[in-house]
N, C-alpha and C. Protein backbone atom coordinates (compact mmCIF):
# COMPACT_ATOMS: atom_id res chain seq x y z
N UNK A 1 11.61 -5.30 -8.53
CA UNK A 1 10.58 -5.44 -8.06
C UNK A 1 10.11 -7.00 -8.55
N UNK A 2 9.62 -7.61 -7.50
CA UNK A 2 8.65 -8.85 -8.11
C UNK A 2 7.30 -8.41 -7.32
N UNK A 3 5.80 -8.86 -7.94
CA UNK A 3 4.37 -8.73 -8.08
C UNK A 3 4.24 -8.51 -6.95
N UNK A 4 3.74 -7.94 -6.51
CA UNK A 4 2.44 -7.99 -5.18
C UNK A 4 1.64 -8.81 -4.86
N UNK A 5 1.71 -9.96 -4.42
CA UNK A 5 0.83 -11.08 -4.34
C UNK A 5 -0.38 -9.93 -3.44
N UNK A 6 -1.34 -10.11 -3.78
CA UNK A 6 -2.57 -8.91 -3.23
C UNK A 6 -3.82 -9.99 -2.26
N UNK A 7 -3.10 -10.32 -1.30
CA UNK A 7 -4.05 -11.74 -0.28
C UNK A 7 -5.31 -10.81 0.60
N UNK A 8 -5.87 -11.21 0.92
CA UNK A 8 -6.81 -10.48 1.89
C UNK A 8 -6.68 -9.48 2.42
N UNK A 9 -5.60 -9.71 3.48
CA UNK A 9 -4.90 -9.06 4.11
C UNK A 9 -4.09 -7.78 3.75
N UNK A 10 -3.52 -7.75 2.86
CA UNK A 10 -3.31 -7.09 1.99
C UNK A 10 -3.73 -6.16 0.87
N UNK A 11 -5.19 -6.37 0.80
CA UNK A 11 -6.13 -5.53 0.22
C UNK A 11 -7.04 -4.82 1.27
N UNK A 12 -7.05 -4.87 2.57
CA UNK A 12 -7.83 -4.61 3.32
C UNK A 12 -6.79 -3.70 4.18
N UNK A 13 -5.40 -3.68 4.27
CA UNK A 13 -4.19 -2.72 4.49
C UNK A 13 -4.86 -1.55 3.37
N UNK A 14 -4.33 -1.91 2.25
CA UNK A 14 -4.38 -0.72 1.29
C UNK A 14 -5.32 -0.52 1.17
N UNK A 15 -6.63 -0.66 1.31
CA UNK A 15 -7.99 0.21 1.58
C UNK A 15 -7.46 0.83 2.77
N UNK A 16 -7.07 0.45 3.91
CA UNK A 16 -7.38 1.28 5.01
C UNK A 16 -6.47 2.35 4.96
N UNK A 17 -5.26 2.33 4.15
CA UNK A 17 -4.46 3.69 4.08
C UNK A 17 -5.03 4.53 2.69
N UNK A 18 -5.76 3.66 1.88
CA UNK A 18 -6.83 5.23 0.83
C UNK A 18 -7.84 5.54 1.42
N UNK A 19 -8.07 4.85 2.17
CA UNK A 19 -9.14 5.73 3.09
C UNK A 19 -8.09 6.17 4.06
N UNK A 20 -7.33 7.02 4.50
CA UNK A 20 -7.10 7.71 5.47
C UNK A 20 -6.35 7.35 6.59
N UNK A 21 -6.48 5.79 6.77
CA UNK A 21 -6.02 5.48 7.99
C UNK A 21 -4.14 5.51 7.98
N UNK A 22 -3.13 6.30 8.81
CA UNK A 22 -2.12 6.86 8.57
C UNK A 22 -0.83 6.11 9.72
N UNK A 23 -1.12 5.23 10.74
CA UNK A 23 -0.48 4.83 11.22
C UNK A 23 -0.94 3.22 11.33
N UNK A 24 -0.05 2.56 12.29
CA UNK A 24 0.07 0.89 12.11
C UNK A 24 -1.71 0.70 13.33
N UNK A 25 -1.79 1.94 13.96
CA UNK A 25 -2.86 1.30 15.08
C UNK A 25 -3.87 1.72 14.47
N UNK A 26 -4.25 2.60 13.69
CA UNK A 26 -5.44 2.31 13.47
C UNK A 26 -6.33 1.62 12.04
N UNK A 27 -4.67 1.16 11.65
CA UNK A 27 -4.90 0.69 10.47
C UNK A 27 -5.59 -1.15 10.85
N UNK A 28 -5.40 -1.34 12.22
CA UNK A 28 -5.44 -2.25 13.02
C UNK A 28 -6.87 -2.46 13.85
N UNK A 29 -7.34 -1.01 13.99
CA UNK A 29 -8.43 -0.58 13.76
C UNK A 29 -9.82 -1.22 13.00
N UNK A 30 -9.14 -0.27 11.59
CA UNK A 30 -10.04 -0.10 10.95
C UNK A 30 -10.03 -1.99 10.30
N UNK A 31 -9.14 -2.98 9.77
CA UNK A 31 -9.43 -3.61 8.87
C UNK A 31 -9.36 -5.20 10.32
N UNK A 32 -9.38 -4.50 11.68
CA UNK A 32 -9.43 -5.77 12.61
C UNK A 32 -8.29 -6.91 12.34
N UNK A 33 -7.25 -6.53 11.90
CA UNK A 33 -6.42 -7.24 11.63
C UNK A 33 -5.28 -7.21 12.84
N UNK A 34 -4.28 -7.98 13.04
CA UNK A 34 -3.41 -8.51 14.24
C UNK A 34 -2.35 -7.88 14.10
N UNK A 35 -1.64 -6.82 14.79
CA UNK A 35 -0.03 -6.38 14.55
C UNK A 35 0.53 -7.28 13.80
N UNK A 36 0.96 -8.49 13.80
CA UNK A 36 1.71 -9.48 13.09
C UNK A 36 1.11 -9.97 12.07
N UNK A 37 0.35 -9.70 11.52
CA UNK A 37 -0.42 -9.21 9.98
C UNK A 37 -0.09 -8.03 9.42
N UNK A 38 -0.27 -7.17 10.13
CA UNK A 38 -0.38 -5.48 9.61
C UNK A 38 1.33 -5.32 9.26
N UNK A 39 2.26 -5.45 10.16
CA UNK A 39 3.30 -4.89 10.23
C UNK A 39 4.21 -5.49 8.95
N UNK A 40 4.32 -7.08 8.89
CA UNK A 40 4.70 -7.28 7.87
C UNK A 40 4.12 -7.26 6.74
N UNK A 41 2.78 -7.05 6.35
CA UNK A 41 2.40 -6.52 5.09
C UNK A 41 2.88 -4.82 4.90
N UNK A 42 2.44 -3.79 5.78
CA UNK A 42 3.27 -2.61 5.71
C UNK A 42 5.06 -2.36 5.48
N UNK A 43 5.96 -3.56 6.12
CA UNK A 43 7.27 -3.66 5.92
C UNK A 43 7.16 -4.24 3.66
N UNK A 44 7.07 -5.19 3.38
CA UNK A 44 6.45 -5.45 2.45
C UNK A 44 5.72 -5.41 1.54
N UNK A 45 4.99 -3.90 1.33
CA UNK A 45 4.61 -2.88 0.46
C UNK A 45 5.28 -2.05 0.68
N UNK A 46 6.01 -1.33 1.55
CA UNK A 46 7.19 -0.62 1.06
C UNK A 46 8.24 -1.21 0.66
N UNK A 47 8.90 -1.80 0.82
CA UNK A 47 9.71 -2.66 0.44
C UNK A 47 9.66 -2.46 -1.08
N UNK A 48 8.41 -2.99 -1.78
CA UNK A 48 7.91 -3.14 -3.20
C UNK A 48 7.49 -1.01 -3.44
N UNK A 49 7.47 -0.90 -2.78
CA UNK A 49 7.59 1.23 -3.02
C UNK A 49 6.15 1.17 -3.29
N UNK A 50 5.24 -0.10 -2.91
CA UNK A 50 3.77 1.14 -2.96
C UNK A 50 3.78 1.62 -1.96
N UNK A 51 3.93 1.49 -0.58
CA UNK A 51 3.71 2.42 0.88
C UNK A 51 5.58 3.65 0.96
N UNK A 52 5.05 4.23 1.16
CA UNK A 52 6.11 5.03 1.93
C UNK A 52 5.97 4.95 3.10
N UNK A 53 6.49 5.41 4.21
CA UNK A 53 6.29 5.70 5.89
C UNK A 53 7.79 6.54 6.22
N UNK A 54 6.91 7.54 7.49
CA UNK A 54 8.24 8.29 7.54
C UNK A 54 7.53 8.78 9.70
N UNK A 55 8.33 8.99 9.90
CA UNK A 55 8.44 9.18 11.41
C UNK A 55 7.69 10.46 11.61
N UNK A 56 6.50 10.55 12.29
CA UNK A 56 5.62 11.99 12.46
C UNK A 56 6.48 12.86 13.61
N UNK A 57 6.11 14.35 13.57
CA UNK A 57 7.43 14.61 14.17
C UNK A 57 6.96 15.02 15.82
N UNK A 58 8.53 14.54 15.94
CA UNK A 58 8.32 14.52 17.36
C UNK A 58 7.72 14.98 18.55
N UNK A 59 7.67 16.56 18.20
CA UNK A 59 7.12 17.56 19.14
C UNK A 59 6.02 17.25 18.99
N UNK A 60 5.13 16.81 18.06
CA UNK A 60 3.36 16.69 17.72
C UNK A 60 3.65 15.72 19.18
N UNK A 61 3.78 14.56 18.62
CA UNK A 61 3.80 13.21 19.32
C UNK A 61 4.25 13.93 20.71
N UNK A 62 5.31 14.06 21.40
CA UNK A 62 4.91 14.89 22.50
C UNK A 62 4.12 15.62 23.33
N UNK A 63 3.69 16.58 22.35
CA UNK A 63 2.51 17.52 23.14
C UNK A 63 1.35 16.93 23.18
N UNK A 64 0.92 15.62 22.20
CA UNK A 64 -0.23 14.06 21.98
C UNK A 64 0.64 13.98 23.52
N UNK A 65 1.40 13.59 24.30
CA UNK A 65 1.82 12.39 25.36
C UNK A 65 1.90 11.29 24.91
N UNK A 66 2.32 11.29 23.74
CA UNK A 66 2.50 9.72 23.47
C UNK A 66 4.05 9.56 22.97
N UNK A 67 4.43 8.01 22.94
CA UNK A 67 5.55 8.68 21.49
C UNK A 67 5.08 8.54 20.02
N UNK A 68 6.40 8.59 19.88
CA UNK A 68 6.26 8.70 18.25
C UNK A 68 5.52 7.77 17.24
N UNK A 69 4.76 8.06 16.20
CA UNK A 69 4.01 6.82 15.21
C UNK A 69 5.09 6.78 14.09
N UNK A 70 5.04 5.88 13.59
CA UNK A 70 5.55 5.98 11.79
C UNK A 70 4.26 5.90 10.74
N UNK A 71 4.67 6.52 10.30
CA UNK A 71 3.30 7.23 9.35
C UNK A 71 3.23 6.81 7.87
N UNK A 72 2.45 6.28 7.81
CA UNK A 72 2.28 5.26 6.00
C UNK A 72 1.32 5.85 5.49
N UNK A 73 1.96 6.19 3.98
CA UNK A 73 0.76 6.56 2.77
C UNK A 73 1.42 5.32 1.73
N UNK A 74 0.63 5.29 0.47
CA UNK A 74 0.15 5.42 -0.84
C UNK A 74 0.89 6.14 -1.17
N UNK A 75 2.34 4.98 -2.42
CA UNK A 75 2.57 5.77 -3.66
C UNK A 75 2.13 5.75 -4.49
N UNK A 76 2.04 6.61 -5.85
CA UNK A 76 1.39 5.98 -7.08
C UNK A 76 1.12 5.10 -7.11
N UNK A 77 2.23 4.38 -7.41
CA UNK A 77 1.92 2.04 -7.83
C UNK A 77 1.12 1.59 -6.81
N UNK A 78 1.04 2.21 -5.09
CA UNK A 78 0.26 1.79 -4.26
C UNK A 78 -1.06 2.32 -4.06
N UNK A 79 -1.55 3.68 -5.25
CA UNK A 79 -2.49 4.03 -5.36
C UNK A 79 -2.92 3.41 -6.30
N UNK A 80 -2.60 2.72 -7.40
CA UNK A 80 -3.03 1.40 -8.53
C UNK A 80 -3.49 -0.17 -7.46
N UNK A 81 -2.01 -0.42 -7.31
CA UNK A 81 -2.19 -1.44 -6.09
C UNK A 81 -4.07 -1.27 -4.98
N UNK A 82 -4.08 -0.55 -4.55
CA UNK A 82 -5.10 -0.39 -3.73
C UNK A 82 -6.41 0.26 -4.98
N UNK A 83 -6.55 0.47 -6.03
CA UNK A 83 -7.59 0.00 -7.08
C UNK A 83 -7.98 -1.33 -7.55
N UNK A 84 -7.05 -2.00 -7.30
CA UNK A 84 -7.03 -3.41 -7.86
C UNK A 84 -7.29 -3.93 -6.41
N UNK A 85 -7.20 -3.75 -5.54
CA UNK A 85 -7.36 -4.32 -3.84
C UNK A 85 -8.83 -4.15 -3.84
N UNK A 86 -9.14 -2.49 -4.16
CA UNK A 86 -10.91 -2.20 -3.80
C UNK A 86 -12.20 -3.10 -5.06
N UNK A 87 -11.35 -3.77 -6.35
CA UNK A 87 -12.37 -3.79 -6.80
C UNK A 87 -11.96 -5.92 -6.52
N UNK A 88 -10.96 -6.67 -5.93
CA UNK A 88 -10.89 -7.66 -4.89
C UNK A 88 -12.25 -8.02 -4.19
N UNK A 89 -11.69 -7.00 -3.30
CA UNK A 89 -12.60 -6.70 -1.79
C UNK A 89 -14.27 -6.85 -2.37
N UNK A 90 -14.33 -5.85 -3.67
CA UNK A 90 -15.69 -6.18 -3.69
C UNK A 90 -16.01 -6.98 -4.89
N UNK A 91 -15.32 -7.63 -5.12
CA UNK A 91 -15.57 -9.33 -6.12
C UNK A 91 -15.90 -10.00 -4.32
N UNK A 92 -15.66 -9.94 -3.58
CA UNK A 92 -15.15 -10.86 -2.27
C UNK A 92 -16.68 -10.65 -1.96
N UNK A 93 -17.11 -8.98 -1.40
CA UNK A 93 -18.52 -8.94 -1.20
C UNK A 93 -19.58 -9.74 -1.79
N UNK A 94 -19.16 -9.39 -3.40
CA UNK A 94 -20.37 -10.29 -4.17
C UNK A 94 -19.89 -11.66 -3.81
N UNK A 95 -19.30 -12.38 -4.11
CA UNK A 95 -19.36 -13.63 -4.22
C UNK A 95 -20.41 -14.31 -2.22
N UNK A 96 -19.95 -13.21 -1.49
CA UNK A 96 -20.45 -13.94 -0.26
C UNK A 96 -22.42 -13.51 -0.34
N UNK A 97 -22.51 -12.35 -0.65
CA UNK A 97 -23.66 -12.02 -0.88
C UNK A 97 -23.95 -12.41 -2.16
N UNK A 98 -23.70 -13.19 -2.81
CA UNK A 98 -24.81 -13.88 -3.95
C UNK A 98 -24.01 -15.75 -4.12
N UNK A 99 -23.44 -15.72 -3.43
CA UNK A 99 -23.22 -16.55 -3.73
C UNK A 99 -22.62 -17.29 -4.16
N UNK A 100 -22.06 -16.47 -5.41
CA UNK A 100 -20.75 -16.74 -6.75
C UNK A 100 -19.82 -17.12 -6.76
N UNK A 101 -19.32 -18.08 -6.96
CA UNK A 101 -17.94 -18.96 -7.27
C UNK A 101 -17.25 -18.21 -8.53
N UNK A 102 -17.83 -17.47 -9.37
CA UNK A 102 -16.96 -17.47 -10.31
C UNK A 102 -16.81 -18.05 -11.38
N UNK A 103 -16.05 -18.23 -13.01
CA UNK A 103 -15.97 -19.10 -13.97
C UNK A 103 -15.42 -20.68 -13.51
N UNK A 104 -14.76 -20.94 -11.91
CA UNK A 104 -13.94 -22.10 -12.03
C UNK A 104 -14.92 -22.73 -10.91
N UNK A 105 -15.51 -22.16 -10.50
CA UNK A 105 -16.60 -22.54 -9.25
C UNK A 105 -18.29 -22.91 -9.29
N UNK A 106 -18.98 -23.32 -8.99
CA UNK A 106 -20.34 -23.36 -8.88
C UNK A 106 -21.28 -22.17 -8.34
N UNK A 107 -22.33 -22.44 -8.53
CA UNK A 107 -23.04 -21.39 -7.89
C UNK A 107 -23.74 -21.94 -6.38
N UNK A 108 -24.02 -21.21 -5.34
CA UNK A 108 -24.06 -22.69 -4.38
C UNK A 108 -25.45 -22.87 -4.69
N UNK A 109 -26.05 -21.95 -5.36
CA UNK A 109 -27.93 -22.62 -5.38
C UNK A 109 -27.97 -24.19 -6.19
N UNK A 110 -28.09 -24.54 -5.59
CA UNK A 110 -28.69 -25.62 -6.23
C UNK A 110 -27.36 -26.91 -6.23
N UNK A 111 -26.39 -26.25 -5.70
CA UNK A 111 -25.09 -27.25 -5.87
C UNK A 111 -25.58 -28.49 -4.63
C-alpha cells in the first residue's frame, strides 16, 4: 500500500463518510463535489483499504423504488485517516478565518 494523498477532496469525502454519509450521492450532496471527483477518490480509498463497500440489499432498494446503491464505510485505517482529514480541514478553516499561512508563509495582515 502506498501512502494516501490527503487532498482537499479526499479530506472532504473522508469527513462525509465519518459523519454518516454512506453512498455516493449523499457524499456528493454533503461535499458539493461532482461525481467525477467523488467516485475516483472512493475507488482509490478502497484500493488503499481505507474504505470498504458493498451493494445494498436488492429487496431494500426495490421496496424504495430505486436501483441498488453501493454503500461505503470507513475501515479502521480509514478512521485514522479521517482523523487526519479533520485536522487538515480544521487547519484550513483556521487559515481562512485568521489569514494565517503557517510556518512557510506570512500572515495576511501587513503583507
